[in-house]
Amino acid sequence: MSNSIQPISPQLSSQEPRLAVAGTRPRQTQPPATPFRDVLTGGVSLLLSGAEVATHVVAGPVMAAAVHGARVEATSALAGTSNASSTGGSTGSTDLSSVQSIMQDGQASNMQLLALQEQIQNESQQFSTLSNVMRARYDTAKAAVSNIRA
């Protein structure tokens, strides 16, 4: 019993090459108007800016600031530049001011939501009180009518 594999076609032998490498050919299509790197950078920037907005709504301003930093880093890496060289070394202060503004916006939003929650709670308490008073008045009137009939 042999462990060797026999070729399916008798025309193929182990001495004939199965792979032929051709030389480089000239490009047959026109080069794209926008380089792939620019398209990829734009797509990543768009995707991460959407994630930044969604994260700001769901997780808060601190997470949105982190996603913003990731977006800046990713787009600068794809563009082939570094943050310090592209902004003249002022990236740290710019990022800090953007983080602070995002945090202030988040704090203002939280205060508005807290005020709205307090207003809804007060209205709910007033509704419950009025409902209890009206129910007591109804029960009293019903009891009076029942006593007259009895």
C-alpha atoms as a PDB file:
ATOM      1  CA  MET A   1       0.000   0.000   0.000  1.00  0.00           C
ATOM      2  CA  SER A   2       1.501   3.330  -1.103  1.00  0.00           C
ATOM      3  CA  ASN A   3       1.082   6.689   0.659  1.00  0.00           C
ATOM      4  CA  SER A   4       1.758   8.801  -2.433  1.00  0.00           C
ATOM      5  CA  ILE A   5      -0.995  10.673  -4.243  1.00  0.00           C
ATOM      6  CA  GLN A   6      -1.307   9.957  -7.921  1.00  0.00           C
ATOM      7  CA  PRO A   7      -2.142  12.872 -10.241  1.00  0.00           C
ATOM      8  CA  ILE A   8      -5.713  12.961 -11.527  1.00  0.00           C
ATOM      9  CA  SER A   9      -4.676  13.770 -15.047  1.00  0.00           C
ATOM     10  CA  PRO A  10      -1.876  11.830 -16.689  1.00  0.00           C
ATOM     11  CA  GLN A  11      -0.773  15.078 -18.377  1.00  0.00           C
ATOM     12  CA  LEU A  12       0.309  16.602 -15.027  1.00  0.00           C
ATOM     13  CA  SER A  13       3.620  15.478 -13.737  1.00  0.00           C
ATOM     14  CA  SER A  14       5.713  16.640 -10.839  1.00  0.00           C
ATOM     15  CA  GLN A  15       8.288  18.186 -13.164  1.00  0.00           C
ATOM     16  CA  GLU A  16       5.909  20.666 -14.815  1.00  0.00           C
ATOM     17  CA  PRO A  17       5.348  23.980 -12.968  1.00  0.00           C
ATOM     18  CA  ARG A  18       1.769  24.590 -11.827  1.00  0.00           C
ATOM     19  CA  LEU A  19       2.253  28.281 -11.121  1.00  0.00           C
ATOM     20  CA  ALA A  20       3.530  30.803 -13.612  1.00  0.00           C
ATOM     21  CA  VAL A  21       4.432  34.337 -12.480  1.00  0.00           C
ATOM     22  CA  ALA A  22       4.002  37.008 -15.124  1.00  0.00           C
ATOM     23  CA  GLY A  23       5.840  40.317 -15.149  1.00  0.00           C
ATOM     24  CA  THR A  24       4.273  43.581 -14.028  1.00  0.00           C
ATOM     25  CA  ARG A  25       1.840  45.074 -16.520  1.00  0.00           C
ATOM     26  CA  PRO A  26       0.968  48.738 -16.976  1.00  0.00           C
ATOM     27  CA  ARG A  27      -2.224  49.977 -15.319  1.00  0.00           C
ATOM     28  CA  GLN A  28      -5.274  49.558 -17.576  1.00  0.00           C
ATOM     29  CA  THR A  29      -7.673  51.826 -15.651  1.00  0.00           C
ATOM     30  CA  GLN A  30      -7.433  55.492 -14.773  1.00  0.00           C
ATOM     31  CA  PRO A  31      -6.043  56.270 -11.316  1.00  0.00           C
ATOM     32  CA  PRO A  32      -8.801  57.251  -8.865  1.00  0.00           C
ATOM     33  CA  ALA A  33      -9.547  60.932  -8.377  1.00  0.00           C
ATOM     34  CA  THR A  34      -9.266  60.594  -4.593  1.00  0.00           C
ATOM     35  CA  PRO A  35      -6.560  58.425  -3.053  1.00  0.00           C
ATOM     36  CA  PHE A  36      -7.756  55.468  -1.000  1.00  0.00           C
ATOM     37  CA  ARG A  37      -6.075  56.888   2.114  1.00  0.00           C
ATOM     38  CA  ASP A  38      -8.238  60.029   1.918  1.00  0.00           C
ATOM     39  CA  VAL A  39     -11.425  57.994   1.410  1.00  0.00           C
ATOM     40  CA  LEU A  40     -10.540  55.751   4.358  1.00  0.00           C
ATOM     41  CA  THR A  41      -9.707  58.746   6.564  1.00  0.00           C
ATOM     42  CA  GLY A  42     -13.045  60.395   5.729  1.00  0.00           C
ATOM     43  CA  GLY A  43     -14.962  57.198   6.449  1.00  0.00           C
ATOM     44  CA  VAL A  44     -13.247  56.665   9.789  1.00  0.00           C
ATOM     45  CA  SER A  45     -13.799  60.299  10.746  1.00  0.00           C
ATOM     46  CA  LEU A  46     -17.502  60.103   9.855  1.00  0.00           C
ATOM     47  CA  LEU A  47     -17.985  56.823  11.701  1.00  0.00           C
ATOM     48  CA  LEU A  48     -16.223  57.976  14.853  1.00  0.00           C
ATOM     49  CA  SER A  49     -17.960  61.364  14.889  1.00  0.00           C
ATOM     50  CA  GLY A  50     -21.287  59.508  14.858  1.00  0.00           C
ATOM     51  CA  ALA A  51     -20.017  57.300  17.668  1.00  0.00           C
ATOM     52  CA  GLU A  52     -18.975  60.441  19.545  1.00  0.00           C
ATOM     53  CA  VAL A  53     -22.488  61.878  19.334  1.00  0.00           C
ATOM     54  CA  ALA A  54     -24.103  58.580  20.321  1.00  0.00           C
ATOM     55  CA  THR A  55     -21.689  58.138  23.211  1.00  0.00           C
ATOM     56  CA  HIS A  56     -22.390  61.689  24.408  1.00  0.00           C
ATOM     57  CA  VAL A  57     -26.110  60.922  24.513  1.00  0.00           C
ATOM     58  CA  VAL A  58     -25.840  57.469  26.114  1.00  0.00           C
ATOM     59  CA  ALA A  59     -22.683  57.424  28.241  1.00  0.00           C
ATOM     60  CA  GLY A  60     -21.998  61.081  28.944  1.00  0.00           C
ATOM     61  CA  PRO A  61     -19.452  63.728  28.065  1.00  0.00           C
ATOM     62  CA  VAL A  62     -16.390  61.947  29.450  1.00  0.00           C
ATOM     63  CA  MET A  63     -16.842  58.955  27.140  1.00  0.00           C
ATOM     64  CA  ALA A  64     -17.600  61.302  24.237  1.00  0.00           C
ATOM     65  CA  ALA A  65     -14.324  63.080  24.910  1.00  0.00           C
ATOM     66  CA  ALA A  66     -12.509  59.743  24.827  1.00  0.00           C
ATOM     67  CA  VAL A  67     -14.121  58.843  21.493  1.00  0.00           C
ATOM     68  CA  HIS A  68     -13.215  62.306  20.196  1.00  0.00           C
ATOM     69  CA  GLY A  69      -9.586  61.693  21.114  1.00  0.00           C
ATOM     70  CA  ALA A  70      -9.659  58.317  19.388  1.00  0.00           C
ATOM     71  CA  ARG A  71     -11.131  59.926  16.274  1.00  0.00           C
ATOM     72  CA  VAL A  72      -8.407  62.563  16.167  1.00  0.00           C
ATOM     73  CA  GLU A  73      -5.694  59.946  16.656  1.00  0.00           C
ATOM     74  CA  ALA A  74      -7.134  57.569  14.044  1.00  0.00           C
ATOM     75  CA  THR A  75      -7.616  60.212  11.358  1.00  0.00           C
ATOM     76  CA  SER A  76      -4.159  61.679  11.928  1.00  0.00           C
ATOM     77  CA  ALA A  77      -2.595  58.198  11.792  1.00  0.00           C
ATOM     78  CA  LEU A  78      -4.425  57.398   8.554  1.00  0.00           C
ATOM     79  CA  ALA A  79      -3.473  60.751   7.065  1.00  0.00           C
ATOM     80  CA  GLY A  80       0.163  59.994   7.859  1.00  0.00           C
ATOM     81  CA  THR A  81       0.671  62.894  10.249  1.00  0.00           C
ATOM     82  CA  SER A  82       1.213  63.083  13.964  1.00  0.00           C
ATOM     83  CA  ASN A  83      -0.849  65.290  16.250  1.00  0.00           C
ATOM     84  CA  ALA A  84       2.073  67.272  17.626  1.00  0.00           C
ATOM     85  CA  SER A  85       3.463  68.127  14.187  1.00  0.00           C
ATOM     86  CA  SER A  86       0.125  68.823  12.506  1.00  0.00           C
ATOM     87  CA  THR A  87      -1.141  71.271  15.129  1.00  0.00           C
ATOM     88  CA  GLY A  88       2.134  72.861  16.109  1.00  0.00           C
ATOM     89  CA  GLY A  89       2.339  71.166  19.505  1.00  0.00           C
ATOM     90  CA  SER A  90      -0.867  72.723  20.837  1.00  0.00           C
ATOM     91  CA  THR A  91      -2.906  69.509  20.765  1.00  0.00           C
ATOM     92  CA  GLY A  92      -2.866  69.071  24.540  1.00  0.00           C
ATOM     93  CA  SER A  93      -4.434  72.451  25.251  1.00  0.00           C
ATOM     94  CA  THR A  94      -6.932  72.085  22.394  1.00  0.00           C
ATOM     95  CA  ASP A  95      -8.013  68.656  23.590  1.00  0.00           C
ATOM     96  CA  LEU A  96      -8.241  69.912  27.179  1.00  0.00           C
ATOM     97  CA  SER A  97     -10.418  72.860  26.168  1.00  0.00           C
ATOM     98  CA  SER A  98     -12.651  70.636  24.045  1.00  0.00           C
ATOM     99  CA  VAL A  99     -12.990  68.149  26.921  1.00  0.00           C
ATOM    100  CA  GLN A 100     -13.838  70.992  29.299  1.00  0.00           C
ATOM    101  CA  SER A 101     -16.450  72.415  26.925  1.00  0.00           C
ATOM    102  CA  ILE A 102     -17.983  68.956  26.447  1.00  0.00           C
ATOM    103  CA  MET A 103     -18.084  68.473  30.222  1.00  0.00           C
ATOM    104  CA  GLN A 104     -19.720  71.893  30.713  1.00  0.00           C
ATOM    105  CA  ASP A 105     -22.331  71.062  28.079  1.00  0.00           C
ATOM    106  CA  GLY A 106     -22.987  67.738  29.789  1.00  0.00           C
ATOM    107  CA  GLN A 107     -23.294  69.412  33.184  1.00  0.00           C
ATOM    108  CA  ALA A 108     -25.768  71.977  31.812  1.00  0.00           C
ATOM    109  CA  SER A 109     -27.764  69.178  30.183  1.00  0.00           C
ATOM    110  CA  ASN A 110     -27.819  67.215  33.448  1.00  0.00           C
ATOM    111  CA  MET A 111     -29.056  70.284  35.339  1.00  0.00           C
ATOM    112  CA  GLN A 112     -31.867  70.772  32.830  1.00  0.00           C
ATOM    113  CA  LEU A 113     -32.871  67.130  33.151  1.00  0.00           C
ATOM    114  CA  LEU A 114     -32.782  67.380  36.948  1.00  0.00           C
ATOM    115  CA  ALA A 115     -35.044  70.460  36.866  1.00  0.00           C
ATOM    116  CA  LEU A 116     -37.443  68.669  34.515  1.00  0.00           C
ATOM    117  CA  GLN A 117     -37.479  65.606  36.775  1.00  0.00           C
ATOM    118  CA  GLU A 118     -38.258  67.785  39.805  1.00  0.00           C
ATOM    119  CA  GLN A 119     -41.088  69.523  37.921  1.00  0.00           C
ATOM    120  CA  ILE A 120     -42.611  66.187  36.884  1.00  0.00           C
ATOM    121  CA  GLN A 121     -42.357  64.914  40.453  1.00  0.00           C
ATOM    122  CA  ASN A 122     -44.171  68.008  41.775  1.00  0.00           C
ATOM    123  CA  GLU A 123     -46.929  67.642  39.172  1.00  0.00           C
ATOM    124  CA  SER A 124     -47.312  63.967  40.036  1.00  0.00           C
ATOM    125  CA  GLN A 125     -47.607  64.786  43.732  1.00  0.00           C
ATOM    126  CA  GLN A 126     -50.233  67.462  43.019  1.00  0.00           C
ATOM    127  CA  PHE A 127     -52.186  65.022  40.837  1.00  0.00           C
ATOM    128  CA  SER A 128     -52.108  62.350  43.558  1.00  0.00           C
ATOM    129  CA  THR A 129     -53.287  64.825  46.197  1.00  0.00           C
ATOM    130  CA  LEU A 130     -56.124  66.110  44.019  1.00  0.00           C
ATOM    131  CA  SER A 131     -57.109  62.563  43.091  1.00  0.00           C
ATOM    132  CA  ASN A 132     -57.247  61.524  46.770  1.00  0.00           C
ATOM    133  CA  VAL A 133     -59.362  64.565  47.675  1.00  0.00           C
ATOM    134  CA  MET A 134     -61.797  63.916  44.829  1.00  0.00           C
ATOM    135  CA  ARG A 135     -62.031  60.216  45.758  1.00  0.00           C
ATOM    136  CA  ALA A 136     -62.788  61.090  49.411  1.00  0.00           C
ATOM    137  CA  ARG A 137     -65.443  63.592  48.312  1.00  0.00           C
ATOM    138  CA  TYR A 138     -67.051  60.972  46.026  1.00  0.00           C
ATOM    139  CA  ASP A 139     -67.018  58.312  48.751  1.00  0.00           C
ATOM    140  CA  THR A 140     -68.605  60.774  51.196  1.00  0.00           C
ATOM    141  CA  ALA A 141     -71.360  61.721  48.744  1.00  0.00           C
ATOM    142  CA  LYS A 142     -72.010  58.046  47.916  1.00  0.00           C
ATOM    143  CA  ALA A 143     -72.232  57.158  51.596  1.00  0.00           C
ATOM    144  CA  ALA A 144     -74.683  60.036  52.205  1.00  0.00           C
ATOM    145  CA  VAL A 145     -76.931  58.873  49.344  1.00  0.00           C
ATOM    146  CA  SER A 146     -76.782  55.270  50.613  1.00  0.00           C
ATOM    147  CA  ASN A 147     -77.787  56.390  54.107  1.00  0.00           C
ATOM    148  CA  ILE A 148     -80.771  58.323  52.797  1.00  0.00           C
ATOM    149  CA  ARG A 149     -82.058  55.316  50.810  1.00  0.00           C
ATOM    150  CA  ALA A 150     -81.578  52.909  53.673  1.00  0.00           C
END
